[in-house]
Amino acid sequence: MARSIPWPGKRQPPPLIEIVEGGYRVNLGDVEQRVLRQSFFDLRILVNERDASTRRLFPNAYVDQPQLEAEYQQLVGDDLAQSQLAAIDQVEQSIDGKVVDRAGLEQWMRSINAIRLVIGTKLDISEDPERLKRNDPRFAAYQLYDFLGHLLSWILSALREPDWVDPAGPQSTNELP
């Protein structure tokens, strides 16, 4: 007996970012969760060591004034690093599909973008896409970079969803009834 092709809406997997009561759920498979956990582990090390590949996570304030730039980095560098690590902590707590609020999904966006920036820096990715063969040693990193871009796109779409009402209520008290 032939198997039927399911109609749209029947037995389809949930979207990558699902809008649910109380917030959002990130629906990752086991492999994706393991890859992200490893990526977060690696990112923690790179951030703590201030590896050169993390330079885009700590933008310059004074490009042409090294003295002022050094002072700026000394003032805010540790705070930026700590807030990045705190965002990773939040994401790791919900990586298995726990519901997060809007702020939690924004931490997802920040953390995924951080990994993507570091990979892009290491691979020296430019505007011109590069076609790699599967045997290229950079192939897996490019695949991860592409997946993270896809995940970011889903996160942004969910954050822009106009039909979802934030359970915390309106953010402004100046709204008309």
N, C-alpha and C. Protein backbone atom coordinates (compact mmCIF):
# COMPACT_ATOMS: atom_id res chain seq x y z
N MET A 1 0.83 -1.16 0.00
CA MET A 1 0.00 0.00 0.00
C MET A 1 0.89 1.24 0.00
N ALA A 2 0.57 2.19 -0.85
CA ALA A 2 1.38 3.40 -0.98
C ALA A 2 1.16 4.32 0.23
N ARG A 3 2.22 4.98 0.61
CA ARG A 3 2.12 5.95 1.70
C ARG A 3 1.69 7.29 1.12
N SER A 4 0.82 7.96 1.81
CA SER A 4 0.34 9.24 1.30
C SER A 4 1.26 10.38 1.75
N ILE A 5 1.28 11.40 0.94
CA ILE A 5 2.04 12.60 1.30
C ILE A 5 1.14 13.44 2.18
N PRO A 6 1.61 13.85 3.36
CA PRO A 6 0.72 14.60 4.25
C PRO A 6 0.37 15.96 3.68
N TRP A 7 -0.85 16.40 3.92
CA TRP A 7 -1.29 17.72 3.51
C TRP A 7 -0.58 18.75 4.37
N PRO A 8 -0.43 19.95 3.83
CA PRO A 8 0.19 21.01 4.65
C PRO A 8 -0.55 21.17 5.97
N GLY A 9 0.20 21.31 7.04
CA GLY A 9 -0.40 21.46 8.35
C GLY A 9 -0.51 20.16 9.12
N LYS A 10 -0.37 19.05 8.43
CA LYS A 10 -0.46 17.75 9.10
C LYS A 10 0.95 17.26 9.41
N ARG A 11 1.20 16.98 10.65
CA ARG A 11 2.44 16.37 11.11
C ARG A 11 3.70 17.09 10.61
N GLN A 12 3.64 18.37 10.51
CA GLN A 12 4.83 19.10 10.13
C GLN A 12 5.58 19.49 11.40
N PRO A 13 6.89 19.55 11.31
CA PRO A 13 7.65 19.94 12.51
C PRO A 13 7.35 21.39 12.85
N PRO A 14 7.51 21.76 14.11
CA PRO A 14 7.27 23.15 14.49
C PRO A 14 8.33 24.04 13.84
N PRO A 15 8.04 25.32 13.71
CA PRO A 15 9.03 26.23 13.14
C PRO A 15 10.26 26.30 14.04
N LEU A 16 11.36 26.73 13.48
CA LEU A 16 12.60 26.83 14.24
C LEU A 16 12.42 27.72 15.46
N ILE A 17 11.76 28.86 15.29
CA ILE A 17 11.39 29.73 16.41
C ILE A 17 9.87 29.76 16.45
N GLU A 18 9.34 29.27 17.53
CA GLU A 18 7.89 29.14 17.65
C GLU A 18 7.37 30.17 18.65
N ILE A 19 6.33 30.89 18.24
CA ILE A 19 5.69 31.84 19.15
C ILE A 19 4.63 31.05 19.92
N VAL A 20 4.81 31.01 21.23
CA VAL A 20 3.92 30.22 22.09
C VAL A 20 3.39 31.12 23.20
N GLU A 21 2.43 30.60 23.94
CA GLU A 21 1.90 31.38 25.06
C GLU A 21 3.04 31.64 26.05
N GLY A 22 3.22 32.87 26.39
CA GLY A 22 4.27 33.24 27.34
C GLY A 22 5.59 33.60 26.70
N GLY A 23 5.69 33.52 25.37
CA GLY A 23 6.95 33.92 24.75
C GLY A 23 7.29 33.15 23.49
N TYR A 24 8.50 32.65 23.48
CA TYR A 24 9.06 32.00 22.29
C TYR A 24 9.75 30.70 22.70
N ARG A 25 9.75 29.75 21.77
CA ARG A 25 10.48 28.50 21.98
C ARG A 25 11.38 28.30 20.77
N VAL A 26 12.65 28.01 21.04
CA VAL A 26 13.61 27.70 19.98
C VAL A 26 13.63 26.18 19.86
N ASN A 27 13.24 25.68 18.69
CA ASN A 27 13.11 24.23 18.46
C ASN A 27 14.33 23.71 17.71
N LEU A 28 15.30 23.25 18.46
CA LEU A 28 16.52 22.70 17.87
C LEU A 28 16.57 21.20 18.09
N GLY A 29 17.13 20.50 17.12
CA GLY A 29 17.36 19.07 17.27
C GLY A 29 18.58 18.82 18.15
N ASP A 30 18.79 17.56 18.48
CA ASP A 30 19.93 17.20 19.34
C ASP A 30 21.27 17.62 18.74
N VAL A 31 21.43 17.41 17.45
CA VAL A 31 22.71 17.76 16.81
C VAL A 31 22.94 19.27 16.88
N GLU A 32 21.91 20.04 16.55
CA GLU A 32 22.04 21.50 16.58
C GLU A 32 22.35 21.98 18.00
N GLN A 33 21.70 21.37 19.00
CA GLN A 33 21.97 21.75 20.39
C GLN A 33 23.42 21.47 20.76
N ARG A 34 23.92 20.30 20.37
CA ARG A 34 25.32 19.97 20.69
C ARG A 34 26.29 20.92 20.01
N VAL A 35 26.01 21.23 18.74
CA VAL A 35 26.90 22.14 18.01
C VAL A 35 26.90 23.51 18.66
N LEU A 36 25.72 24.00 19.04
CA LEU A 36 25.66 25.31 19.69
C LEU A 36 26.31 25.30 21.05
N ARG A 37 26.10 24.24 21.82
CA ARG A 37 26.77 24.16 23.14
C ARG A 37 28.29 24.21 22.98
N GLN A 38 28.80 23.47 22.01
CA GLN A 38 30.25 23.50 21.77
C GLN A 38 30.69 24.89 21.31
N SER A 39 29.89 25.51 20.45
CA SER A 39 30.22 26.85 19.96
C SER A 39 30.23 27.86 21.11
N PHE A 40 29.26 27.75 22.02
CA PHE A 40 29.23 28.65 23.17
C PHE A 40 30.43 28.41 24.08
N PHE A 41 30.79 27.14 24.28
CA PHE A 41 31.97 26.81 25.08
C PHE A 41 33.21 27.46 24.47
N ASP A 42 33.37 27.30 23.16
CA ASP A 42 34.52 27.90 22.46
C ASP A 42 34.49 29.42 22.55
N LEU A 43 33.30 30.01 22.40
CA LEU A 43 33.18 31.46 22.46
C LEU A 43 33.56 31.99 23.83
N ARG A 44 33.16 31.28 24.88
CA ARG A 44 33.55 31.70 26.24
C ARG A 44 35.06 31.81 26.37
N ILE A 45 35.75 30.80 25.88
CA ILE A 45 37.21 30.80 25.96
C ILE A 45 37.78 31.98 25.19
N LEU A 46 37.30 32.19 23.98
CA LEU A 46 37.81 33.28 23.14
C LEU A 46 37.54 34.64 23.76
N VAL A 47 36.35 34.82 24.34
CA VAL A 47 36.02 36.10 24.98
C VAL A 47 36.90 36.32 26.20
N ASN A 48 37.05 35.29 27.03
CA ASN A 48 37.88 35.42 28.24
C ASN A 48 39.34 35.71 27.91
N GLU A 49 39.83 35.14 26.82
CA GLU A 49 41.22 35.36 26.41
C GLU A 49 41.39 36.60 25.56
N ARG A 50 40.28 37.25 25.22
CA ARG A 50 40.29 38.40 24.31
C ARG A 50 41.04 38.06 23.02
N ASP A 51 40.72 36.89 22.49
CA ASP A 51 41.30 36.44 21.23
C ASP A 51 41.02 37.47 20.14
N ALA A 52 41.93 37.58 19.19
CA ALA A 52 41.78 38.56 18.11
C ALA A 52 40.50 38.34 17.30
N SER A 53 40.01 37.11 17.26
CA SER A 53 38.79 36.83 16.48
C SER A 53 37.54 37.43 17.12
N THR A 54 37.64 37.92 18.37
CA THR A 54 36.48 38.52 19.03
C THR A 54 36.47 40.04 18.90
N ARG A 55 37.36 40.59 18.11
CA ARG A 55 37.48 42.05 18.02
C ARG A 55 36.18 42.73 17.60
N ARG A 56 35.35 42.06 16.81
CA ARG A 56 34.08 42.68 16.38
C ARG A 56 33.05 42.69 17.51
N LEU A 57 33.30 41.95 18.58
CA LEU A 57 32.41 41.97 19.74
C LEU A 57 32.74 43.14 20.66
N PHE A 58 33.92 43.73 20.48
CA PHE A 58 34.39 44.84 21.30
C PHE A 58 34.78 45.99 20.37
N PRO A 59 33.80 46.67 19.82
CA PRO A 59 34.10 47.69 18.80
C PRO A 59 34.92 48.86 19.36
N ASN A 60 35.69 49.45 18.46
CA ASN A 60 36.51 50.60 18.82
C ASN A 60 35.65 51.84 18.93
N ALA A 61 35.97 52.68 19.91
CA ALA A 61 35.31 53.97 20.05
C ALA A 61 36.17 55.09 19.47
N TYR A 62 37.48 54.91 19.55
CA TYR A 62 38.43 55.93 19.09
C TYR A 62 39.42 55.29 18.14
N VAL A 63 39.06 55.22 16.88
CA VAL A 63 39.87 54.51 15.89
C VAL A 63 41.23 55.17 15.70
N ASP A 64 41.25 56.48 15.66
CA ASP A 64 42.50 57.20 15.36
C ASP A 64 43.23 57.71 16.59
N GLN A 65 42.77 57.35 17.78
CA GLN A 65 43.40 57.83 19.01
C GLN A 65 43.67 56.65 19.94
N PRO A 66 44.81 55.99 19.76
CA PRO A 66 45.11 54.77 20.52
C PRO A 66 45.07 54.95 22.04
N GLN A 67 45.51 56.10 22.54
CA GLN A 67 45.51 56.34 23.99
C GLN A 67 44.07 56.33 24.53
N LEU A 68 43.18 57.08 23.86
CA LEU A 68 41.79 57.12 24.28
C LEU A 68 41.10 55.77 24.09
N GLU A 69 41.47 55.07 23.03
CA GLU A 69 40.90 53.74 22.79
C GLU A 69 41.29 52.77 23.89
N ALA A 70 42.54 52.80 24.31
CA ALA A 70 42.99 51.92 25.39
C ALA A 70 42.24 52.22 26.68
N GLU A 71 42.05 53.51 26.98
CA GLU A 71 41.30 53.89 28.18
C GLU A 71 39.85 53.42 28.08
N TYR A 72 39.26 53.61 26.90
CA TYR A 72 37.88 53.18 26.69
C TYR A 72 37.74 51.67 26.89
N GLN A 73 38.63 50.90 26.28
CA GLN A 73 38.56 49.44 26.40
C GLN A 73 38.77 49.00 27.85
N GLN A 74 39.62 49.73 28.57
CA GLN A 74 39.83 49.39 29.97
C GLN A 74 38.57 49.68 30.80
N LEU A 75 37.87 50.75 30.45
CA LEU A 75 36.65 51.11 31.18
C LEU A 75 35.48 50.18 30.87
N VAL A 76 35.26 49.85 29.61
CA VAL A 76 34.06 49.11 29.24
C VAL A 76 34.32 47.67 28.78
N GLY A 77 35.56 47.33 28.49
CA GLY A 77 35.86 46.01 27.94
C GLY A 77 35.39 44.86 28.80
N ASP A 78 35.67 44.94 30.10
CA ASP A 78 35.25 43.85 30.98
C ASP A 78 33.73 43.77 31.10
N ASP A 79 33.06 44.93 31.12
CA ASP A 79 31.60 44.93 31.18
C ASP A 79 31.00 44.31 29.92
N LEU A 80 31.57 44.65 28.76
CA LEU A 80 31.08 44.06 27.51
C LEU A 80 31.27 42.54 27.52
N ALA A 81 32.44 42.11 27.98
CA ALA A 81 32.71 40.66 28.03
C ALA A 81 31.76 39.96 28.99
N GLN A 82 31.55 40.55 30.17
CA GLN A 82 30.66 39.94 31.14
C GLN A 82 29.21 39.89 30.65
N SER A 83 28.78 40.93 29.96
CA SER A 83 27.40 40.91 29.46
C SER A 83 27.25 39.88 28.34
N GLN A 84 28.31 39.71 27.54
CA GLN A 84 28.27 38.68 26.49
C GLN A 84 28.19 37.29 27.11
N LEU A 85 28.98 37.06 28.16
CA LEU A 85 28.96 35.76 28.84
C LEU A 85 27.63 35.52 29.54
N ALA A 86 27.03 36.57 30.09
CA ALA A 86 25.71 36.43 30.74
C ALA A 86 24.64 36.07 29.70
N ALA A 87 24.74 36.65 28.51
CA ALA A 87 23.79 36.32 27.45
C ALA A 87 23.92 34.85 27.07
N ILE A 88 25.14 34.36 26.98
CA ILE A 88 25.37 32.94 26.67
C ILE A 88 24.76 32.06 27.76
N ASP A 89 24.94 32.45 29.03
CA ASP A 89 24.35 31.69 30.13
C ASP A 89 22.84 31.56 29.97
N GLN A 90 22.19 32.67 29.64
CA GLN A 90 20.74 32.65 29.47
C GLN A 90 20.32 31.73 28.33
N VAL A 91 21.04 31.80 27.24
CA VAL A 91 20.70 30.97 26.08
C VAL A 91 20.89 29.50 26.42
N GLU A 92 21.97 29.17 27.08
CA GLU A 92 22.22 27.76 27.42
C GLU A 92 21.12 27.19 28.32
N GLN A 93 20.48 28.02 29.12
CA GLN A 93 19.41 27.55 29.99
C GLN A 93 18.13 27.22 29.22
N SER A 94 18.01 27.76 28.00
CA SER A 94 16.79 27.50 27.23
C SER A 94 17.06 26.77 25.92
N ILE A 95 18.27 26.26 25.76
CA ILE A 95 18.66 25.64 24.49
C ILE A 95 17.85 24.37 24.21
N ASP A 96 17.30 23.78 25.26
CA ASP A 96 16.54 22.53 25.09
C ASP A 96 15.05 22.78 24.84
N GLY A 97 14.67 24.02 24.53
CA GLY A 97 13.29 24.30 24.15
C GLY A 97 12.45 24.96 25.22
N LYS A 98 13.08 25.40 26.32
CA LYS A 98 12.31 26.12 27.33
C LYS A 98 11.82 27.44 26.74
N VAL A 99 10.64 27.87 27.16
CA VAL A 99 10.05 29.12 26.66
C VAL A 99 10.82 30.30 27.24
N VAL A 100 11.11 31.26 26.37
CA VAL A 100 11.78 32.50 26.79
C VAL A 100 10.90 33.69 26.44
N ASP A 101 11.06 34.78 27.17
CA ASP A 101 10.34 36.00 26.85
C ASP A 101 11.10 36.76 25.76
N ARG A 102 10.62 37.94 25.42
CA ARG A 102 11.25 38.72 24.36
C ARG A 102 12.71 39.03 24.68
N ALA A 103 13.00 39.41 25.92
CA ALA A 103 14.38 39.70 26.31
C ALA A 103 15.26 38.45 26.16
N GLY A 104 14.70 37.29 26.49
CA GLY A 104 15.45 36.05 26.33
C GLY A 104 15.75 35.75 24.88
N LEU A 105 14.77 36.00 24.00
CA LEU A 105 15.01 35.76 22.57
C LEU A 105 16.01 36.77 22.03
N GLU A 106 16.01 37.98 22.57
CA GLU A 106 17.02 38.96 22.17
C GLU A 106 18.42 38.52 22.61
N GLN A 107 18.51 37.83 23.75
CA GLN A 107 19.81 37.27 24.18
C GLN A 107 20.24 36.16 23.22
N TRP A 108 19.27 35.38 22.74
CA TRP A 108 19.58 34.38 21.72
C TRP A 108 20.18 35.08 20.50
N MET A 109 19.51 36.15 20.06
CA MET A 109 19.98 36.88 18.89
C MET A 109 21.41 37.38 19.11
N ARG A 110 21.66 37.95 20.26
CA ARG A 110 22.99 38.49 20.56
C ARG A 110 24.05 37.38 20.57
N SER A 111 23.75 36.27 21.21
CA SER A 111 24.72 35.19 21.33
C SER A 111 25.00 34.50 20.00
N ILE A 112 23.94 34.25 19.22
CA ILE A 112 24.12 33.63 17.91
C ILE A 112 24.90 34.55 17.01
N ASN A 113 24.58 35.84 17.05
CA ASN A 113 25.31 36.81 16.24
C ASN A 113 26.78 36.87 16.65
N ALA A 114 27.07 36.76 17.94
CA ALA A 114 28.46 36.79 18.41
C ALA A 114 29.25 35.62 17.82
N ILE A 115 28.67 34.43 17.87
CA ILE A 115 29.37 33.27 17.29
C ILE A 115 29.60 33.50 15.80
N ARG A 116 28.57 34.00 15.14
CA ARG A 116 28.67 34.24 13.69
C ARG A 116 29.75 35.28 13.37
N LEU A 117 29.83 36.34 14.17
CA LEU A 117 30.86 37.35 13.95
C LEU A 117 32.26 36.77 14.12
N VAL A 118 32.44 35.94 15.12
CA VAL A 118 33.76 35.33 15.36
C VAL A 118 34.12 34.39 14.22
N ILE A 119 33.17 33.56 13.80
CA ILE A 119 33.44 32.65 12.68
C ILE A 119 33.75 33.47 11.42
N GLY A 120 32.95 34.49 11.15
CA GLY A 120 33.18 35.33 9.98
C GLY A 120 34.54 35.99 10.01
N THR A 121 34.98 36.41 11.18
CA THR A 121 36.30 37.02 11.33
C THR A 121 37.40 35.99 11.07
N LYS A 122 37.25 34.81 11.65
CA LYS A 122 38.26 33.76 11.45
C LYS A 122 38.35 33.32 9.99
N LEU A 123 37.20 33.27 9.32
CA LEU A 123 37.18 32.83 7.92
C LEU A 123 37.42 33.98 6.95
N ASP A 124 37.46 35.21 7.48
CA ASP A 124 37.64 36.40 6.65
C ASP A 124 36.57 36.46 5.56
N ILE A 125 35.32 36.29 6.00
CA ILE A 125 34.20 36.29 5.07
C ILE A 125 33.95 37.70 4.57
N SER A 126 33.72 37.81 3.28
CA SER A 126 33.47 39.11 2.66
C SER A 126 32.10 39.07 1.99
N GLU A 127 31.80 40.14 1.27
CA GLU A 127 30.52 40.23 0.56
C GLU A 127 30.42 39.21 -0.57
N ASP A 128 31.54 38.82 -1.13
CA ASP A 128 31.55 37.86 -2.23
C ASP A 128 31.53 36.44 -1.67
N PRO A 129 30.42 35.70 -1.90
CA PRO A 129 30.36 34.34 -1.37
C PRO A 129 31.43 33.44 -2.01
N GLU A 130 31.95 32.58 -1.19
CA GLU A 130 32.99 31.67 -1.66
C GLU A 130 32.40 30.27 -1.75
N ARG A 131 32.62 29.61 -2.87
CA ARG A 131 32.16 28.23 -3.06
C ARG A 131 33.25 27.29 -2.58
N LEU A 132 32.92 26.48 -1.59
CA LEU A 132 33.89 25.53 -1.05
C LEU A 132 33.50 24.11 -1.39
N LYS A 133 34.49 23.29 -1.55
CA LYS A 133 34.26 21.86 -1.73
C LYS A 133 34.19 21.21 -0.35
N ARG A 134 33.51 20.09 -0.29
CA ARG A 134 33.34 19.40 1.00
C ARG A 134 34.66 19.02 1.66
N ASN A 135 35.71 18.84 0.89
CA ASN A 135 36.99 18.44 1.48
C ASN A 135 37.82 19.63 1.95
N ASP A 136 37.32 20.85 1.75
CA ASP A 136 38.01 22.04 2.24
C ASP A 136 37.93 22.05 3.76
N PRO A 137 39.04 22.29 4.46
CA PRO A 137 39.02 22.27 5.93
C PRO A 137 38.10 23.34 6.54
N ARG A 138 37.74 24.35 5.77
CA ARG A 138 36.86 25.41 6.26
C ARG A 138 35.38 25.11 6.03
N PHE A 139 35.08 24.02 5.36
CA PHE A 139 33.71 23.72 4.95
C PHE A 139 32.75 23.67 6.15
N ALA A 140 33.12 22.97 7.21
CA ALA A 140 32.23 22.84 8.38
C ALA A 140 31.97 24.20 9.02
N ALA A 141 32.99 25.04 9.10
CA ALA A 141 32.81 26.37 9.68
C ALA A 141 31.87 27.21 8.82
N TYR A 142 31.99 27.09 7.50
CA TYR A 142 31.07 27.81 6.61
C TYR A 142 29.64 27.29 6.78
N GLN A 143 29.48 26.00 6.93
CA GLN A 143 28.16 25.42 7.13
C GLN A 143 27.54 25.96 8.42
N LEU A 144 28.33 26.01 9.49
CA LEU A 144 27.85 26.55 10.76
C LEU A 144 27.49 28.02 10.60
N TYR A 145 28.31 28.77 9.92
CA TYR A 145 28.07 30.19 9.67
C TYR A 145 26.73 30.37 8.95
N ASP A 146 26.49 29.56 7.94
CA ASP A 146 25.22 29.63 7.21
C ASP A 146 24.03 29.26 8.09
N PHE A 147 24.17 28.20 8.88
CA PHE A 147 23.08 27.79 9.78
C PHE A 147 22.77 28.91 10.78
N LEU A 148 23.81 29.52 11.33
CA LEU A 148 23.59 30.60 12.30
C LEU A 148 22.89 31.79 11.65
N GLY A 149 23.21 32.07 10.40
CA GLY A 149 22.52 33.13 9.68
C GLY A 149 21.04 32.80 9.51
N HIS A 150 20.76 31.54 9.21
CA HIS A 150 19.38 31.08 9.07
C HIS A 150 18.64 31.22 10.41
N LEU A 151 19.29 30.80 11.50
CA LEU A 151 18.69 30.89 12.82
C LEU A 151 18.43 32.36 13.19
N LEU A 152 19.37 33.23 12.89
CA LEU A 152 19.17 34.66 13.15
C LEU A 152 17.96 35.20 12.38
N SER A 153 17.81 34.77 11.16
CA SER A 153 16.68 35.19 10.35
C SER A 153 15.36 34.79 11.01
N TRP A 154 15.29 33.58 11.52
CA TRP A 154 14.08 33.11 12.21
C TRP A 154 13.83 33.92 13.47
N ILE A 155 14.90 34.21 14.22
CA ILE A 155 14.75 35.00 15.45
C ILE A 155 14.21 36.38 15.12
N LEU A 156 14.79 37.02 14.13
CA LEU A 156 14.34 38.36 13.75
C LEU A 156 12.89 38.34 13.28
N SER A 157 12.52 37.32 12.53
CA SER A 157 11.13 37.21 12.07
C SER A 157 10.18 37.08 13.25
N ALA A 158 10.54 36.27 14.21
CA ALA A 158 9.69 36.09 15.39
C ALA A 158 9.59 37.38 16.20
N LEU A 159 10.69 38.10 16.33
CA LEU A 159 10.67 39.36 17.08
C LEU A 159 9.85 40.43 16.38
N ARG A 160 9.73 40.33 15.06
CA ARG A 160 8.95 41.31 14.29
C ARG A 160 7.49 40.91 14.16
N GLU A 161 7.12 39.74 14.60
CA GLU A 161 5.76 39.23 14.41
C GLU A 161 4.74 40.19 15.01
N PRO A 162 3.88 40.78 14.18
CA PRO A 162 2.94 41.80 14.69
C PRO A 162 1.75 41.23 15.45
N ASP A 163 1.42 39.97 15.24
CA ASP A 163 0.22 39.41 15.84
C ASP A 163 0.43 38.95 17.28
N TRP A 164 1.67 38.92 17.73
CA TRP A 164 1.93 38.41 19.05
C TRP A 164 1.90 39.55 20.06
N VAL A 165 1.20 39.35 21.16
CA VAL A 165 1.12 40.38 22.19
C VAL A 165 2.03 39.98 23.34
N ASP A 166 2.89 40.88 23.74
CA ASP A 166 3.82 40.63 24.84
C ASP A 166 3.01 40.49 26.14
N PRO A 167 3.17 39.37 26.87
CA PRO A 167 2.40 39.19 28.10
C PRO A 167 2.75 40.23 29.16
N ALA A 168 3.89 40.91 29.04
CA ALA A 168 4.26 41.95 30.00
C ALA A 168 3.46 43.22 29.76
N GLY A 169 2.74 43.28 28.64
CA GLY A 169 1.94 44.45 28.34
C GLY A 169 2.72 45.48 27.56
N PRO A 170 2.08 46.60 27.25
CA PRO A 170 2.73 47.64 26.47
C PRO A 170 3.96 48.19 27.20
N GLN A 171 4.95 48.58 26.43
CA GLN A 171 6.19 49.09 27.00
C GLN A 171 6.11 50.57 27.29
N SER A 172 5.11 51.25 26.78
CA SER A 172 4.99 52.69 26.95
C SER A 172 3.67 53.01 27.65
N THR A 173 3.71 53.99 28.54
CA THR A 173 2.48 54.40 29.22
C THR A 173 1.79 55.51 28.46
N ASN A 174 2.38 55.93 27.33
CA ASN A 174 1.80 57.02 26.54
C ASN A 174 0.85 56.52 25.46
N GLU A 175 0.48 55.27 25.47
CA GLU A 175 -0.39 54.73 24.44
C GLU A 175 -1.84 55.08 24.72
N LEU A 176 -2.57 55.28 23.66
CA LEU A 176 -4.00 55.55 23.81
C LEU A 176 -4.74 54.26 24.11
N PRO A 177 -5.85 54.32 24.84
CA PRO A 177 -6.60 53.09 25.16
C PRO A 177 -7.23 52.49 23.93
